């Protein structure tokens, strides 16, 4: 059985192109990891933030 792999490199959608995106956040005790993907599964960006008051502010921003 073959599998499809997705590049981890961010891709950029040109301005003016409407496409639905999803934000997912994996919360852990020390770090929260956030990923933004298209509804087709293309990774747009992924970042991690410390589970602190400042990290929460950064995640929301």
PDB file of N, CA and C in Angstrom:
ATOM      1  N   UNK A   1       0.838  -1.167   0.000  1.00  0.00           N
ATOM      2  CA  UNK A   1       0.000   0.000   0.000  1.00  0.00           C
ATOM      3  C   UNK A   1       0.887   1.235   0.000  1.00  0.00           C
ATOM      4  N   UNK A   2       0.680   2.135  -0.926  1.00  0.00           N
ATOM      5  CA  UNK A   2       1.488   3.342  -0.991  1.00  0.00           C
ATOM      6  C   UNK A   2       0.847   4.434  -0.145  1.00  0.00           C
ATOM      7  N   UNK A   3       1.662   5.392   0.264  1.00  0.00           N
ATOM      8  CA  UNK A   3       1.137   6.510   1.038  1.00  0.00           C
ATOM      9  C   UNK A   3       1.518   7.810   0.363  1.00  0.00           C
ATOM     10  N   UNK A   4       0.726   8.824   0.613  1.00  0.00           N
ATOM     11  CA  UNK A   4       0.989  10.151   0.066  1.00  0.00           C
ATOM     12  C   UNK A   4       1.642  10.968   1.158  1.00  0.00           C
ATOM     13  N   UNK A   5       2.764  11.589   0.839  1.00  0.00           N
ATOM     14  CA  UNK A   5       3.431  12.433   1.823  1.00  0.00           C
ATOM     15  C   UNK A   5       3.187  13.890   1.493  1.00  0.00           C
ATOM     16  N   UNK A   6       3.125  14.707   2.511  1.00  0.00           N
ATOM     17  CA  UNK A   6       2.876  16.133   2.354  1.00  0.00           C
ATOM     18  C   UNK A   6       4.131  16.899   2.733  1.00  0.00           C
ATOM     19  N   UNK A   7       4.533  17.826   1.901  1.00  0.00           N
ATOM     20  CA  UNK A   7       5.684  18.653   2.192  1.00  0.00           C
ATOM     21  C   UNK A   7       5.422  19.497   3.432  1.00  0.00           C
ATOM     22  N   UNK A   8       6.432  19.623   4.297  1.00  0.00           N
ATOM     23  CA  UNK A   8       6.299  20.446   5.496  1.00  0.00           C
ATOM     24  C   UNK A   8       6.601  21.910   5.203  1.00  0.00           C
ATOM     25  N   UNK A   9       7.133  22.199   4.019  1.00  0.00           N
ATOM     26  CA  UNK A   9       7.455  23.582   3.681  1.00  0.00           C
ATOM     27  C   UNK A   9       6.179  24.390   3.461  1.00  0.00           C
ATOM     28  N   UNK A  10       6.119  25.584   4.052  1.00  0.00           N
ATOM     29  CA  UNK A  10       4.921  26.403   3.850  1.00  0.00           C
ATOM     30  C   UNK A  10       4.736  26.763   2.382  1.00  0.00           C
ATOM     31  N   UNK A  11       3.494  26.766   1.933  1.00  0.00           N
ATOM     32  CA  UNK A  11       3.204  27.252   0.597  1.00  0.00           C
ATOM     33  C   UNK A  11       2.367  28.506   0.757  1.00  0.00           C
ATOM     34  N   UNK A  12       2.363  29.342  -0.222  1.00  0.00           N
ATOM     35  CA  UNK A  12       1.665  30.611  -0.117  1.00  0.00           C
ATOM     36  C   UNK A  12       0.582  30.696  -1.179  1.00  0.00           C
ATOM     37  N   UNK A  13      -0.587  31.137  -0.753  1.00  0.00           N
ATOM     38  CA  UNK A  13      -1.702  31.316  -1.664  1.00  0.00           C
ATOM     39  C   UNK A  13      -1.677  32.754  -2.151  1.00  0.00           C
ATOM     40  N   UNK A  14      -1.711  32.984  -3.468  1.00  0.00           N
ATOM     41  CA  UNK A  14      -1.697  34.347  -3.980  1.00  0.00           C
ATOM     42  C   UNK A  14      -2.870  35.165  -3.449  1.00  0.00           C
ATOM     43  N   UNK A  15      -2.650  36.466  -3.257  1.00  0.00           N
ATOM     44  CA  UNK A  15      -3.705  37.351  -2.782  1.00  0.00           C
ATOM     45  C   UNK A  15      -4.888  37.298  -3.736  1.00  0.00           C
ATOM     46  N   UNK A  16      -6.073  37.333  -3.190  1.00  0.00           N
ATOM     47  CA  UNK A  16      -7.275  37.333  -4.011  1.00  0.00           C
ATOM     48  C   UNK A  16      -7.821  35.952  -4.306  1.00  0.00           C
ATOM     49  N   UNK A  17      -7.111  34.900  -3.908  1.00  0.00           N
ATOM     50  CA  UNK A  17      -7.590  33.541  -4.137  1.00  0.00           C
ATOM     51  C   UNK A  17      -8.328  33.095  -2.880  1.00  0.00           C
ATOM     52  N   UNK A  18      -9.599  32.809  -3.033  1.00  0.00           N
ATOM     53  CA  UNK A  18     -10.398  32.373  -1.883  1.00  0.00           C
ATOM     54  C   UNK A  18     -10.299  30.860  -1.745  1.00  0.00           C
ATOM     55  N   UNK A  19      -9.873  30.408  -0.587  1.00  0.00           N
ATOM     56  CA  UNK A  19      -9.783  28.980  -0.306  1.00  0.00           C
ATOM     57  C   UNK A  19     -10.021  28.793   1.183  1.00  0.00           C
ATOM     58  N   UNK A  20     -10.802  27.801   1.537  1.00  0.00           N
ATOM     59  CA  UNK A  20     -11.047  27.530   2.945  1.00  0.00           C
ATOM     60  C   UNK A  20      -9.810  26.933   3.580  1.00  0.00           C
ATOM     61  N   UNK A  21      -9.523  27.384   4.806  1.00  0.00           N
ATOM     62  CA  UNK A  21      -8.382  26.856   5.537  1.00  0.00           C
ATOM     63  C   UNK A  21      -8.845  26.416   6.921  1.00  0.00           C
ATOM     64  N   UNK A  22      -8.048  25.562   7.533  1.00  0.00           N
ATOM     65  CA  UNK A  22      -8.336  25.039   8.860  1.00  0.00           C
ATOM     66  C   UNK A  22      -7.148  25.305   9.776  1.00  0.00           C
ATOM     67  N   UNK A  23      -7.441  25.620  11.030  1.00  0.00           N
ATOM     68  CA  UNK A  23      -6.413  25.778  12.049  1.00  0.00           C
ATOM     69  C   UNK A  23      -6.612  24.681  13.075  1.00  0.00           C
ATOM     70  N   UNK A  24      -5.565  23.938  13.351  1.00  0.00           N
ATOM     71  CA  UNK A  24      -5.613  22.915  14.382  1.00  0.00           C
ATOM     72  C   UNK A  24      -4.566  23.208  15.433  1.00  0.00           C
ATOM     73  N   UNK A  25      -4.909  22.993  16.687  1.00  0.00           N
ATOM     74  CA  UNK A  25      -3.965  23.230  17.781  1.00  0.00           C
ATOM     75  C   UNK A  25      -3.901  21.982  18.641  1.00  0.00           C
ATOM     76  N   UNK A  26      -2.693  21.491  18.847  1.00  0.00           N
ATOM     77  CA  UNK A  26      -2.445  20.350  19.728  1.00  0.00           C
ATOM     78  C   UNK A  26      -1.911  20.914  21.034  1.00  0.00           C
ATOM     79  N   UNK A  27      -2.710  20.794  22.092  1.00  0.00           N
ATOM     80  CA  UNK A  27      -2.318  21.358  23.379  1.00  0.00           C
ATOM     81  C   UNK A  27      -1.633  20.300  24.234  1.00  0.00           C
ATOM     82  N   UNK A  28      -0.511  20.678  24.791  1.00  0.00           N
ATOM     83  CA  UNK A  28       0.234  19.823  25.703  1.00  0.00           C
ATOM     84  C   UNK A  28       0.572  20.617  26.955  1.00  0.00           C
ATOM     85  N   UNK A  29       1.174  19.960  27.926  1.00  0.00           N
ATOM     86  CA  UNK A  29       1.499  20.623  29.192  1.00  0.00           C
ATOM     87  C   UNK A  29       2.471  21.783  28.998  1.00  0.00           C
ATOM     88  N   UNK A  30       3.505  21.602  28.171  1.00  0.00           N
ATOM     89  CA  UNK A  30       4.559  22.607  28.038  1.00  0.00           C
ATOM     90  C   UNK A  30       4.528  23.394  26.735  1.00  0.00           C
ATOM     91  N   UNK A  31       3.964  22.807  25.680  1.00  0.00           N
ATOM     92  CA  UNK A  31       4.002  23.432  24.351  1.00  0.00           C
ATOM     93  C   UNK A  31       2.678  23.203  23.640  1.00  0.00           C
ATOM     94  N   UNK A  32       2.228  24.221  22.911  1.00  0.00           N
ATOM     95  CA  UNK A  32       1.060  24.096  22.041  1.00  0.00           C
ATOM     96  C   UNK A  32       1.553  24.200  20.597  1.00  0.00           C
ATOM     97  N   UNK A  33       1.184  23.242  19.772  1.00  0.00           N
ATOM     98  CA  UNK A  33       1.574  23.241  18.361  1.00  0.00           C
ATOM     99  C   UNK A  33       0.344  23.583  17.518  1.00  0.00           C
ATOM    100  N   UNK A  34       0.507  24.547  16.613  1.00  0.00           N
ATOM    101  CA  UNK A  34      -0.587  24.972  15.742  1.00  0.00           C
ATOM    102  C   UNK A  34      -0.203  24.717  14.290  1.00  0.00           C
ATOM    103  N   UNK A  35      -1.183  24.303  13.492  1.00  0.00           N
ATOM    104  CA  UNK A  35      -0.956  24.072  12.065  1.00  0.00           C
ATOM    105  C   UNK A  35      -2.128  24.646  11.286  1.00  0.00           C
ATOM    106  N   UNK A  36      -1.810  25.279  10.166  1.00  0.00           N
ATOM    107  CA  UNK A  36      -2.830  25.807   9.259  1.00  0.00           C
ATOM    108  C   UNK A  36      -2.716  25.022   7.957  1.00  0.00           C
ATOM    109  N   UNK A  37      -3.848  24.425   7.534  1.00  0.00           N
ATOM    110  CA  UNK A  37      -3.862  23.635   6.303  1.00  0.00           C
ATOM    111  C   UNK A  37      -5.064  24.036   5.458  1.00  0.00           C
ATOM    112  N   UNK A  38      -4.999  23.717   4.176  1.00  0.00           N
ATOM    113  CA  UNK A  38      -6.152  23.918   3.306  1.00  0.00           C
ATOM    114  C   UNK A  38      -7.094  22.735   3.494  1.00  0.00           C
ATOM    115  N   UNK A  39      -8.323  22.873   3.018  1.00  0.00           N
ATOM    116  CA  UNK A  39      -9.271  21.764   3.130  1.00  0.00           C
ATOM    117  C   UNK A  39      -8.830  20.569   2.285  1.00  0.00           C
ATOM    118  N   UNK A  40      -7.898  20.783   1.370  1.00  0.00           N
ATOM    119  CA  UNK A  40      -7.358  19.683   0.574  1.00  0.00           C
ATOM    120  C   UNK A  40      -6.130  19.051   1.223  1.00  0.00           C
ATOM    121  N   UNK A  41      -5.701  19.599   2.383  1.00  0.00           N
ATOM    122  CA  UNK A  41      -4.601  18.996   3.125  1.00  0.00           C
ATOM    123  C   UNK A  41      -3.236  19.597   2.898  1.00  0.00           C
ATOM    124  N   UNK A  42      -3.123  20.667   2.115  1.00  0.00           N
ATOM    125  CA  UNK A  42      -1.825  21.305   1.903  1.00  0.00           C
ATOM    126  C   UNK A  42      -1.456  22.122   3.139  1.00  0.00           C
ATOM    127  N   UNK A  43      -0.256  21.902   3.659  1.00  0.00           N
ATOM    128  CA  UNK A  43       0.208  22.630   4.827  1.00  0.00           C
ATOM    129  C   UNK A  43       0.602  24.047   4.439  1.00  0.00           C
ATOM    130  N   UNK A  44       0.025  25.034   5.131  1.00  0.00           N
ATOM    131  CA  UNK A  44       0.363  26.426   4.886  1.00  0.00           C
ATOM    132  C   UNK A  44       1.389  26.935   5.891  1.00  0.00           C
ATOM    133  N   UNK A  45       1.253  26.516   7.152  1.00  0.00           N
ATOM    134  CA  UNK A  45       2.185  26.977   8.185  1.00  0.00           C
ATOM    135  C   UNK A  45       2.019  26.107   9.420  1.00  0.00           C
ATOM    136  N   UNK A  46       3.048  26.019  10.201  1.00  0.00           N
ATOM    137  CA  UNK A  46       3.000  25.304  11.458  1.00  0.00           C
ATOM    138  C   UNK A  46       3.974  25.944  12.431  1.00  0.00           C
ATOM    139  N   UNK A  47       3.529  26.150  13.662  1.00  0.00           N
ATOM    140  CA  UNK A  47       4.375  26.773  14.675  1.00  0.00           C
ATOM    141  C   UNK A  47       4.046  26.183  16.037  1.00  0.00           C
ATOM    142  N   UNK A  48       4.995  26.327  16.954  1.00  0.00           N
ATOM    143  CA  UNK A  48       4.731  25.903  18.324  1.00  0.00           C
ATOM    144  C   UNK A  48       4.981  27.072  19.266  1.00  0.00           C
ATOM    145  N   UNK A  49       4.248  27.043  20.383  1.00  0.00           N
ATOM    146  CA  UNK A  49       4.270  28.133  21.338  1.00  0.00           C
ATOM    147  C   UNK A  49       4.355  27.552  22.740  1.00  0.00           C
ATOM    148  N   UNK A  50       5.077  28.225  23.635  1.00  0.00           N
ATOM    149  CA  UNK A  50       5.133  27.729  25.010  1.00  0.00           C
ATOM    150  C   UNK A  50       3.765  27.848  25.675  1.00  0.00           C
ATOM    151  N   UNK A  51       3.469  26.930  26.580  1.00  0.00           N
ATOM    152  CA  UNK A  51       2.188  26.949  27.295  1.00  0.00           C
ATOM    153  C   UNK A  51       2.294  27.891  28.493  1.00  0.00           C
ATOM    154  N   UNK A  52       2.501  29.159  28.171  1.00  0.00           N
ATOM    155  CA  UNK A  52       2.607  30.226  29.166  1.00  0.00           C
ATOM    156  C   UNK A  52       1.662  31.342  28.752  1.00  0.00           C
ATOM    157  N   UNK A  53       1.495  32.332  29.624  1.00  0.00           N
ATOM    158  CA  UNK A  53       0.633  33.470  29.282  1.00  0.00           C
ATOM    159  C   UNK A  53       1.134  34.153  28.008  1.00  0.00           C
ATOM    160  N   UNK A  54       2.439  34.349  27.886  1.00  0.00           N
ATOM    161  CA  UNK A  54       2.995  34.987  26.683  1.00  0.00           C
ATOM    162  C   UNK A  54       2.818  34.076  25.462  1.00  0.00           C
ATOM    163  N   UNK A  55       2.993  32.780  25.632  1.00  0.00           N
ATOM    164  CA  UNK A  55       2.795  31.838  24.533  1.00  0.00           C
ATOM    165  C   UNK A  55       1.362  31.844  24.036  1.00  0.00           C
ATOM    166  N   UNK A  56       0.398  31.948  24.945  1.00  0.00           N
ATOM    167  CA  UNK A  56      -1.013  32.039  24.549  1.00  0.00           C
ATOM    168  C   UNK A  56      -1.262  33.306  23.730  1.00  0.00           C
ATOM    169  N   UNK A  57      -0.668  34.428  24.180  1.00  0.00           N
ATOM    170  CA  UNK A  57      -0.829  35.684  23.422  1.00  0.00           C
ATOM    171  C   UNK A  57      -0.248  35.550  22.012  1.00  0.00           C
ATOM    172  N   UNK A  58       0.913  34.919  21.913  1.00  0.00           N
ATOM    173  CA  UNK A  58       1.548  34.721  20.603  1.00  0.00           C
ATOM    174  C   UNK A  58       0.675  33.833  19.716  1.00  0.00           C
ATOM    175  N   UNK A  59       0.121  32.793  20.268  1.00  0.00           N
ATOM    176  CA  UNK A  59      -0.729  31.867  19.503  1.00  0.00           C
ATOM    177  C   UNK A  59      -1.951  32.595  18.959  1.00  0.00           C
ATOM    178  N   UNK A  60      -2.601  33.392  19.783  1.00  0.00           N
ATOM    179  CA  UNK A  60      -3.799  34.115  19.347  1.00  0.00           C
ATOM    180  C   UNK A  60      -3.444  35.158  18.289  1.00  0.00           C
ATOM    181  N   UNK A  61      -2.301  35.804  18.454  1.00  0.00           N
ATOM    182  CA  UNK A  61      -1.874  36.841  17.482  1.00  0.00           C
ATOM    183  C   UNK A  61      -1.532  36.190  16.165  1.00  0.00           C
TER     184      UNK A  61
END
